[in-house]
Amino acid sequence: MSRQTLPWHARLSSQQGAGAWCAKPSDLHPYIQLDLYWPHKIRSIAIQGMHTKDAWVTQFTLSYTDPNNVWINYTAAGIIKVV
């Protein structure tokens, strides 16, 4: 994994050459996990690719934890939402 693809580079509109988070191409179940430290209402999610053709997400799911740290998939009408 390149130094410019590590998790702390997961930011929108990074400066040219600053990097971006990317999973390893061999990772069959890539994910990135954020700790917001306290409850937040997430109103939108934005993603962007890098300047290479294989460096962007085409779909993803969202999960969050309840107060007991149990992971819950975000759903719509009872079906896991794939964006």
PDB file of N, CA and C in Angstrom:
ATOM      1  N   MET A   1       0.848  -1.175   0.000  1.00  0.00           N
ATOM      2  CA  MET A   1       0.000   0.000   0.000  1.00  0.00           C
ATOM      3  C   MET A   1       0.894   1.239   0.000  1.00  0.00           C
ATOM      4  N   SER A   2       0.607   2.127  -0.891  1.00  0.00           N
ATOM      5  CA  SER A   2       1.369   3.367  -1.010  1.00  0.00           C
ATOM      6  C   SER A   2       1.143   4.257   0.209  1.00  0.00           C
ATOM      7  N   ARG A   3       2.140   5.037   0.551  1.00  0.00           N
ATOM      8  CA  ARG A   3       1.986   5.987   1.668  1.00  0.00           C
ATOM      9  C   ARG A   3       0.870   6.981   1.398  1.00  0.00           C
ATOM     10  N   GLN A   4       0.562   7.226   0.130  1.00  0.00           N
ATOM     11  CA  GLN A   4      -0.481   8.194  -0.203  1.00  0.00           C
ATOM     12  C   GLN A   4      -1.865   7.581  -0.265  1.00  0.00           C
ATOM     13  N   THR A   5      -2.025   6.301   0.062  1.00  0.00           N
ATOM     14  CA  THR A   5      -3.341   5.671   0.030  1.00  0.00           C
ATOM     15  C   THR A   5      -3.778   5.191   1.411  1.00  0.00           C
ATOM     16  N   LEU A   6      -3.106   5.621   2.453  1.00  0.00           N
ATOM     17  CA  LEU A   6      -3.439   5.208   3.809  1.00  0.00           C
ATOM     18  C   LEU A   6      -4.712   5.912   4.290  1.00  0.00           C
ATOM     19  N   PRO A   7      -5.385   5.369   5.319  1.00  0.00           N
ATOM     20  CA  PRO A   7      -6.694   5.876   5.736  1.00  0.00           C
ATOM     21  C   PRO A   7      -6.767   7.368   6.045  1.00  0.00           C
ATOM     22  N   TRP A   8      -5.721   7.960   6.598  1.00  0.00           N
ATOM     23  CA  TRP A   8      -5.819   9.382   6.942  1.00  0.00           C
ATOM     24  C   TRP A   8      -5.842  10.294   5.714  1.00  0.00           C
ATOM     25  N   HIS A   9      -5.709   9.716   4.531  1.00  0.00           N
ATOM     26  CA  HIS A   9      -5.849  10.492   3.297  1.00  0.00           C
ATOM     27  C   HIS A   9      -7.293  10.487   2.784  1.00  0.00           C
ATOM     28  N   ALA A  10      -8.220   9.915   3.540  1.00  0.00           N
ATOM     29  CA  ALA A  10      -9.624   9.830   3.123  1.00  0.00           C
ATOM     30  C   ALA A  10     -10.320  11.176   3.343  1.00  0.00           C
ATOM     31  N   ARG A  11     -10.043  12.118   2.475  1.00  0.00           N
ATOM     32  CA  ARG A  11     -10.621  13.462   2.572  1.00  0.00           C
ATOM     33  C   ARG A  11     -11.029  13.923   1.184  1.00  0.00           C
ATOM     34  N   LEU A  12     -12.114  14.679   1.134  1.00  0.00           N
ATOM     35  CA  LEU A  12     -12.531  15.258  -0.139  1.00  0.00           C
ATOM     36  C   LEU A  12     -11.608  16.406  -0.526  1.00  0.00           C
ATOM     37  N   SER A  13     -11.467  16.578  -1.812  1.00  0.00           N
ATOM     38  CA  SER A  13     -10.741  17.727  -2.375  1.00  0.00           C
ATOM     39  C   SER A  13      -9.332  17.879  -1.832  1.00  0.00           C
ATOM     40  N   SER A  14      -8.634  16.771  -1.669  1.00  0.00           N
ATOM     41  CA  SER A  14      -7.228  16.848  -1.254  1.00  0.00           C
ATOM     42  C   SER A  14      -6.435  17.608  -2.310  1.00  0.00           C
ATOM     43  N   GLN A  15      -5.385  18.218  -1.878  1.00  0.00           N
ATOM     44  CA  GLN A  15      -4.513  18.919  -2.818  1.00  0.00           C
ATOM     45  C   GLN A  15      -3.895  17.919  -3.786  1.00  0.00           C
ATOM     46  N   GLN A  16      -3.620  18.356  -4.985  1.00  0.00           N
ATOM     47  CA  GLN A  16      -3.019  17.489  -5.997  1.00  0.00           C
ATOM     48  C   GLN A  16      -1.783  16.803  -5.425  1.00  0.00           C
ATOM     49  N   GLY A  17      -1.733  15.493  -5.517  1.00  0.00           N
ATOM     50  CA  GLY A  17      -0.583  14.741  -5.050  1.00  0.00           C
ATOM     51  C   GLY A  17      -0.609  14.427  -3.564  1.00  0.00           C
ATOM     52  N   ALA A  18      -1.635  14.903  -2.832  1.00  0.00           N
ATOM     53  CA  ALA A  18      -1.689  14.666  -1.387  1.00  0.00           C
ATOM     54  C   ALA A  18      -2.116  13.245  -1.060  1.00  0.00           C
ATOM     55  N   GLY A  19      -2.762  12.551  -1.996  1.00  0.00           N
ATOM     56  CA  GLY A  19      -3.163  11.174  -1.782  1.00  0.00           C
ATOM     57  C   GLY A  19      -4.647  11.033  -1.522  1.00  0.00           C
ATOM     58  N   ALA A  20      -5.075   9.796  -1.360  1.00  0.00           N
ATOM     59  CA  ALA A  20      -6.458   9.437  -1.079  1.00  0.00           C
ATOM     60  C   ALA A  20      -6.454   8.022  -0.529  1.00  0.00           C
ATOM     61  N   TRP A  21      -7.453   7.685   0.293  1.00  0.00           N
ATOM     62  CA  TRP A  21      -7.518   6.322   0.794  1.00  0.00           C
ATOM     63  C   TRP A  21      -7.923   5.395  -0.330  1.00  0.00           C
ATOM     64  N   CYS A  22      -7.224   4.279  -0.460  1.00  0.00           N
ATOM     65  CA  CYS A  22      -7.558   3.236  -1.427  1.00  0.00           C
ATOM     66  C   CYS A  22      -7.286   1.889  -0.774  1.00  0.00           C
ATOM     67  N   ALA A  23      -8.216   0.971  -0.952  1.00  0.00           N
ATOM     68  CA  ALA A  23      -7.992  -0.393  -0.476  1.00  0.00           C
ATOM     69  C   ALA A  23      -6.996  -1.076  -1.397  1.00  0.00           C
ATOM     70  N   LYS A  24      -6.360  -2.108  -0.897  1.00  0.00           N
ATOM     71  CA  LYS A  24      -5.466  -2.894  -1.744  1.00  0.00           C
ATOM     72  C   LYS A  24      -6.294  -3.568  -2.830  1.00  0.00           C
ATOM     73  N   PRO A  25      -5.793  -3.654  -4.041  1.00  0.00           N
ATOM     74  CA  PRO A  25      -6.540  -4.319  -5.119  1.00  0.00           C
ATOM     75  C   PRO A  25      -6.911  -5.765  -4.785  1.00  0.00           C
ATOM     76  N   SER A  26      -6.134  -6.422  -3.950  1.00  0.00           N
ATOM     77  CA  SER A  26      -6.407  -7.813  -3.581  1.00  0.00           C
ATOM     78  C   SER A  26      -7.441  -7.937  -2.456  1.00  0.00           C
ATOM     79  N   ASP A  27      -7.859  -6.833  -1.852  1.00  0.00           N
ATOM     80  CA  ASP A  27      -8.818  -6.861  -0.737  1.00  0.00           C
ATOM     81  C   ASP A  27     -10.213  -7.145  -1.270  1.00  0.00           C
ATOM     82  N   LEU A  28     -10.769  -8.307  -0.930  1.00  0.00           N
ATOM     83  CA  LEU A  28     -12.094  -8.687  -1.419  1.00  0.00           C
ATOM     84  C   LEU A  28     -13.230  -8.027  -0.639  1.00  0.00           C
ATOM     85  N   HIS A  29     -12.950  -7.508   0.544  1.00  0.00           N
ATOM     86  CA  HIS A  29     -13.968  -6.867   1.379  1.00  0.00           C
ATOM     87  C   HIS A  29     -13.430  -5.552   1.948  1.00  0.00           C
ATOM     88  N   PRO A  30     -13.109  -4.606   1.098  1.00  0.00           N
ATOM     89  CA  PRO A  30     -12.518  -3.356   1.595  1.00  0.00           C
ATOM     90  C   PRO A  30     -13.527  -2.522   2.382  1.00  0.00           C
ATOM     91  N   TYR A  31     -13.034  -1.811   3.378  1.00  0.00           N
ATOM     92  CA  TYR A  31     -13.877  -0.895   4.138  1.00  0.00           C
ATOM     93  C   TYR A  31     -13.004   0.171   4.769  1.00  0.00           C
ATOM     94  N   ILE A  32     -13.635   1.253   5.119  1.00  0.00           N
ATOM     95  CA  ILE A  32     -12.981   2.273   5.918  1.00  0.00           C
ATOM     96  C   ILE A  32     -13.922   2.576   7.079  1.00  0.00           C
ATOM     97  N   GLN A  33     -13.358   2.713   8.265  1.00  0.00           N
ATOM     98  CA  GLN A  33     -14.141   2.919   9.469  1.00  0.00           C
ATOM     99  C   GLN A  33     -13.770   4.259  10.072  1.00  0.00           C
ATOM    100  N   LEU A  34     -14.785   5.049  10.404  1.00  0.00           N
ATOM    101  CA  LEU A  34     -14.576   6.358  11.019  1.00  0.00           C
ATOM    102  C   LEU A  34     -15.120   6.363  12.431  1.00  0.00           C
ATOM    103  N   ASP A  35     -14.419   6.966  13.343  1.00  0.00           N
ATOM    104  CA  ASP A  35     -14.900   7.148  14.708  1.00  0.00           C
ATOM    105  C   ASP A  35     -15.186   8.630  14.884  1.00  0.00           C
ATOM    106  N   LEU A  36     -16.462   8.987  14.994  1.00  0.00           N
ATOM    107  CA  LEU A  36     -16.855  10.387  15.136  1.00  0.00           C
ATOM    108  C   LEU A  36     -16.886  10.815  16.604  1.00  0.00           C
ATOM    109  N   TYR A  37     -16.528   9.931  17.506  1.00  0.00           N
ATOM    110  CA  TYR A  37     -16.364  10.163  18.939  1.00  0.00           C
ATOM    111  C   TYR A  37     -17.658  10.352  19.718  1.00  0.00           C
ATOM    112  N   TRP A  38     -18.695  10.918  19.142  1.00  0.00           N
ATOM    113  CA  TRP A  38     -19.984  11.063  19.799  1.00  0.00           C
ATOM    114  C   TRP A  38     -21.063  10.979  18.717  1.00  0.00           C
ATOM    115  N   PRO A  39     -22.315  10.749  19.100  1.00  0.00           N
ATOM    116  CA  PRO A  39     -23.372  10.595  18.085  1.00  0.00           C
ATOM    117  C   PRO A  39     -23.514  11.827  17.189  1.00  0.00           C
ATOM    118  N   HIS A  40     -23.694  11.576  15.912  1.00  0.00           N
ATOM    119  CA  HIS A  40     -23.917  12.620  14.907  1.00  0.00           C
ATOM    120  C   HIS A  40     -25.084  12.218  14.020  1.00  0.00           C
ATOM    121  N   LYS A  41     -25.764  13.185  13.465  1.00  0.00           N
ATOM    122  CA  LYS A  41     -26.729  12.931  12.400  1.00  0.00           C
ATOM    123  C   LYS A  41     -25.995  13.155  11.097  1.00  0.00           C
ATOM    124  N   ILE A  42     -25.845  12.093  10.331  1.00  0.00           N
ATOM    125  CA  ILE A  42     -25.171  12.187   9.035  1.00  0.00           C
ATOM    126  C   ILE A  42     -26.241  12.534   7.997  1.00  0.00           C
ATOM    127  N   ARG A  43     -26.096  13.661   7.365  1.00  0.00           N
ATOM    128  CA  ARG A  43     -27.093  14.124   6.405  1.00  0.00           C
ATOM    129  C   ARG A  43     -26.695  13.851   4.955  1.00  0.00           C
ATOM    130  N   SER A  44     -25.431  13.660   4.706  1.00  0.00           N
ATOM    131  CA  SER A  44     -24.993  13.337   3.348  1.00  0.00           C
ATOM    132  C   SER A  44     -23.609  12.705   3.402  1.00  0.00           C
ATOM    133  N   ILE A  45     -23.297  12.001   2.345  1.00  0.00           N
ATOM    134  CA  ILE A  45     -21.985  11.385   2.184  1.00  0.00           C
ATOM    135  C   ILE A  45     -21.528  11.720   0.772  1.00  0.00           C
ATOM    136  N   ALA A  46     -20.315  12.156   0.643  1.00  0.00           N
ATOM    137  CA  ALA A  46     -19.755  12.474  -0.675  1.00  0.00           C
ATOM    138  C   ALA A  46     -18.481  11.657  -0.861  1.00  0.00           C
ATOM    139  N   ILE A  47     -18.291  11.179  -2.067  1.00  0.00           N
ATOM    140  CA  ILE A  47     -17.082  10.438  -2.403  1.00  0.00           C
ATOM    141  C   ILE A  47     -16.504  11.021  -3.680  1.00  0.00           C
ATOM    142  N   GLN A  48     -15.231  10.799  -3.866  1.00  0.00           N
ATOM    143  CA  GLN A  48     -14.601  11.208  -5.126  1.00  0.00           C
ATOM    144  C   GLN A  48     -13.482  10.237  -5.437  1.00  0.00           C
ATOM    145  N   GLY A  49     -13.185  10.083  -6.706  1.00  0.00           N
ATOM    146  CA  GLY A  49     -12.103   9.207  -7.126  1.00  0.00           C
ATOM    147  C   GLY A  49     -10.812   9.980  -7.269  1.00  0.00           C
ATOM    148  N   MET A  50      -9.771   9.242  -7.567  1.00  0.00           N
ATOM    149  CA  MET A  50      -8.489   9.873  -7.870  1.00  0.00           C
ATOM    150  C   MET A  50      -8.370   9.997  -9.379  1.00  0.00           C
ATOM    151  N   HIS A  51      -7.244  10.410  -9.834  1.00  0.00           N
ATOM    152  CA  HIS A  51      -7.035  10.667 -11.252  1.00  0.00           C
ATOM    153  C   HIS A  51      -6.694   9.427 -12.061  1.00  0.00           C
ATOM    154  N   THR A  52      -6.700   8.251 -11.451  1.00  0.00           N
ATOM    155  CA  THR A  52      -6.469   7.020 -12.211  1.00  0.00           C
ATOM    156  C   THR A  52      -7.797   6.292 -12.379  1.00  0.00           C
ATOM    157  N   LYS A  53      -7.954   5.564 -13.460  1.00  0.00           N
ATOM    158  CA  LYS A  53      -9.253   4.990 -13.797  1.00  0.00           C
ATOM    159  C   LYS A  53      -9.771   3.959 -12.793  1.00  0.00           C
ATOM    160  N   ASP A  54      -8.902   3.304 -12.045  1.00  0.00           N
ATOM    161  CA  ASP A  54      -9.347   2.271 -11.110  1.00  0.00           C
ATOM    162  C   ASP A  54      -9.407   2.751  -9.671  1.00  0.00           C
ATOM    163  N   ALA A  55      -9.340   4.032  -9.432  1.00  0.00           N
ATOM    164  CA  ALA A  55      -9.247   4.541  -8.058  1.00  0.00           C
ATOM    165  C   ALA A  55     -10.514   5.288  -7.644  1.00  0.00           C
ATOM    166  N   TRP A  56     -11.665   4.631  -7.816  1.00  0.00           N
ATOM    167  CA  TRP A  56     -12.885   5.221  -7.292  1.00  0.00           C
ATOM    168  C   TRP A  56     -13.872   4.117  -6.950  1.00  0.00           C
ATOM    169  N   VAL A  57     -14.786   4.456  -6.064  1.00  0.00           N
ATOM    170  CA  VAL A  57     -15.806   3.525  -5.602  1.00  0.00           C
ATOM    171  C   VAL A  57     -16.996   3.609  -6.547  1.00  0.00           C
ATOM    172  N   THR A  58     -17.564   2.473  -6.909  1.00  0.00           N
ATOM    173  CA  THR A  58     -18.745   2.480  -7.767  1.00  0.00           C
ATOM    174  C   THR A  58     -20.013   2.180  -6.972  1.00  0.00           C
ATOM    175  N   GLN A  59     -19.863   1.544  -5.811  1.00  0.00           N
ATOM    176  CA  GLN A  59     -21.000   1.335  -4.916  1.00  0.00           C
ATOM    177  C   GLN A  59     -20.475   1.028  -3.519  1.00  0.00           C
ATOM    178  N   PHE A  60     -21.329   1.293  -2.521  1.00  0.00           N
ATOM    179  CA  PHE A  60     -20.935   1.014  -1.149  1.00  0.00           C
ATOM    180  C   PHE A  60     -22.167   0.875  -0.280  1.00  0.00           C
ATOM    181  N   THR A  61     -21.973   0.312   0.912  1.00  0.00           N
ATOM    182  CA  THR A  61     -23.017   0.246   1.927  1.00  0.00           C
ATOM    183  C   THR A  61     -22.515   1.026   3.133  1.00  0.00           C
ATOM    184  N   LEU A  62     -23.424   1.330   4.028  1.00  0.00           N
ATOM    185  CA  LEU A  62     -23.099   2.095   5.222  1.00  0.00           C
ATOM    186  C   LEU A  62     -23.561   1.317   6.444  1.00  0.00           C
ATOM    187  N   SER A  63     -22.712   1.233   7.440  1.00  0.00           N
ATOM    188  CA  SER A  63     -23.059   0.581   8.705  1.00  0.00           C
ATOM    189  C   SER A  63     -22.707   1.527   9.837  1.00  0.00           C
ATOM    190  N   TYR A  64     -23.376   1.344  10.956  1.00  0.00           N
ATOM    191  CA  TYR A  64     -23.112   2.163  12.138  1.00  0.00           C
ATOM    192  C   TYR A  64     -23.285   1.285  13.367  1.00  0.00           C
ATOM    193  N   THR A  65     -22.843   1.773  14.507  1.00  0.00           N
ATOM    194  CA  THR A  65     -22.988   0.990  15.732  1.00  0.00           C
ATOM    195  C   THR A  65     -24.048   1.608  16.629  1.00  0.00           C
ATOM    196  N   ASP A  66     -24.708   0.736  17.378  1.00  0.00           N
ATOM    197  CA  ASP A  66     -25.660   1.188  18.380  1.00  0.00           C
ATOM    198  C   ASP A  66     -24.886   1.439  19.688  1.00  0.00           C
ATOM    199  N   PRO A  67     -25.564   1.875  20.739  1.00  0.00           N
ATOM    200  CA  PRO A  67     -24.846   2.148  21.999  1.00  0.00           C
ATOM    201  C   PRO A  67     -24.087   0.950  22.575  1.00  0.00           C
ATOM    202  N   ASN A  68     -24.447  -0.261  22.160  1.00  0.00           N
ATOM    203  CA  ASN A  68     -23.752  -1.468  22.634  1.00  0.00           C
ATOM    204  C   ASN A  68     -22.648  -1.914  21.679  1.00  0.00           C
ATOM    205  N   ASN A  69     -22.284  -1.065  20.725  1.00  0.00           N
ATOM    206  CA  ASN A  69     -21.265  -1.367  19.716  1.00  0.00           C
ATOM    207  C   ASN A  69     -21.625  -2.552  18.825  1.00  0.00           C
ATOM    208  N   VAL A  70     -22.911  -2.724  18.555  1.00  0.00           N
ATOM    209  CA  VAL A  70     -23.374  -3.737  17.608  1.00  0.00           C
ATOM    210  C   VAL A  70     -23.507  -3.053  16.246  1.00  0.00           C
ATOM    211  N   TRP A  71     -22.889  -3.637  15.217  1.00  0.00           N
ATOM    212  CA  TRP A  71     -22.937  -3.048  13.877  1.00  0.00           C
ATOM    213  C   TRP A  71     -24.293  -3.284  13.242  1.00  0.00           C
ATOM    214  N   ILE A  72     -24.852  -2.219  12.652  1.00  0.00           N
ATOM    215  CA  ILE A  72     -26.163  -2.256  12.004  1.00  0.00           C
ATOM    216  C   ILE A  72     -25.999  -1.706  10.590  1.00  0.00           C
ATOM    217  N   ASN A  73     -26.495  -2.439   9.610  1.00  0.00           N
ATOM    218  CA  ASN A  73     -26.469  -1.957   8.232  1.00  0.00           C
ATOM    219  C   ASN A  73     -27.566  -0.924   8.023  1.00  0.00           C
ATOM    220  N   TYR A  74     -27.256   0.139   7.308  1.00  0.00           N
ATOM    221  CA  TYR A  74     -28.262   1.123   6.944  1.00  0.00           C
ATOM    222  C   TYR A  74     -29.193   0.489   5.920  1.00  0.00           C
ATOM    223  N   THR A  75     -30.494   0.581   6.155  1.00  0.00           N
ATOM    224  CA  THR A  75     -31.476  -0.047   5.277  1.00  0.00           C
ATOM    225  C   THR A  75     -32.507   0.962   4.794  1.00  0.00           C
ATOM    226  N   ALA A  76     -33.165   0.616   3.713  1.00  0.00           N
ATOM    227  CA  ALA A  76     -34.313   1.359   3.194  1.00  0.00           C
ATOM    228  C   ALA A  76     -35.390   0.322   2.927  1.00  0.00           C
ATOM    229  N   ALA A  77     -36.545   0.482   3.550  1.00  0.00           N
ATOM    230  CA  ALA A  77     -37.649  -0.486   3.419  1.00  0.00           C
ATOM    231  C   ALA A  77     -37.201  -1.891   3.800  1.00  0.00           C
ATOM    232  N   GLY A  78     -36.298  -1.984   4.795  1.00  0.00           N
ATOM    233  CA  GLY A  78     -35.855  -3.279   5.284  1.00  0.00           C
ATOM    234  C   GLY A  78     -34.792  -3.963   4.443  1.00  0.00           C
ATOM    235  N   ILE A  79     -34.320  -3.309   3.391  1.00  0.00           N
ATOM    236  CA  ILE A  79     -33.298  -3.885   2.509  1.00  0.00           C
ATOM    237  C   ILE A  79     -32.016  -3.067   2.664  1.00  0.00           C
ATOM    238  N   ILE A  80     -30.886  -3.761   2.784  1.00  0.00           N
ATOM    239  CA  ILE A  80     -29.615  -3.046   2.905  1.00  0.00           C
ATOM    240  C   ILE A  80     -29.458  -2.106   1.716  1.00  0.00           C
ATOM    241  N   LYS A  81     -29.244  -0.857   2.019  1.00  0.00           N
ATOM    242  CA  LYS A  81     -29.130   0.172   0.982  1.00  0.00           C
ATOM    243  C   LYS A  81     -27.744   0.108   0.353  1.00  0.00           C
ATOM    244  N   VAL A  82     -27.688  -0.098  -0.951  1.00  0.00           N
ATOM    245  CA  VAL A  82     -26.436  -0.068  -1.708  1.00  0.00           C
ATOM    246  C   VAL A  82     -26.466   1.205  -2.525  1.00  0.00           C
ATOM    247  N   VAL A  83     -25.488   2.045  -2.318  1.00  0.00           N
ATOM    248  CA  VAL A  83     -25.434   3.331  -3.027  1.00  0.00           C
ATOM    249  C   VAL A  83     -24.446   3.231  -4.158  1.00  0.00           C
TER     250      VAL A  83
END
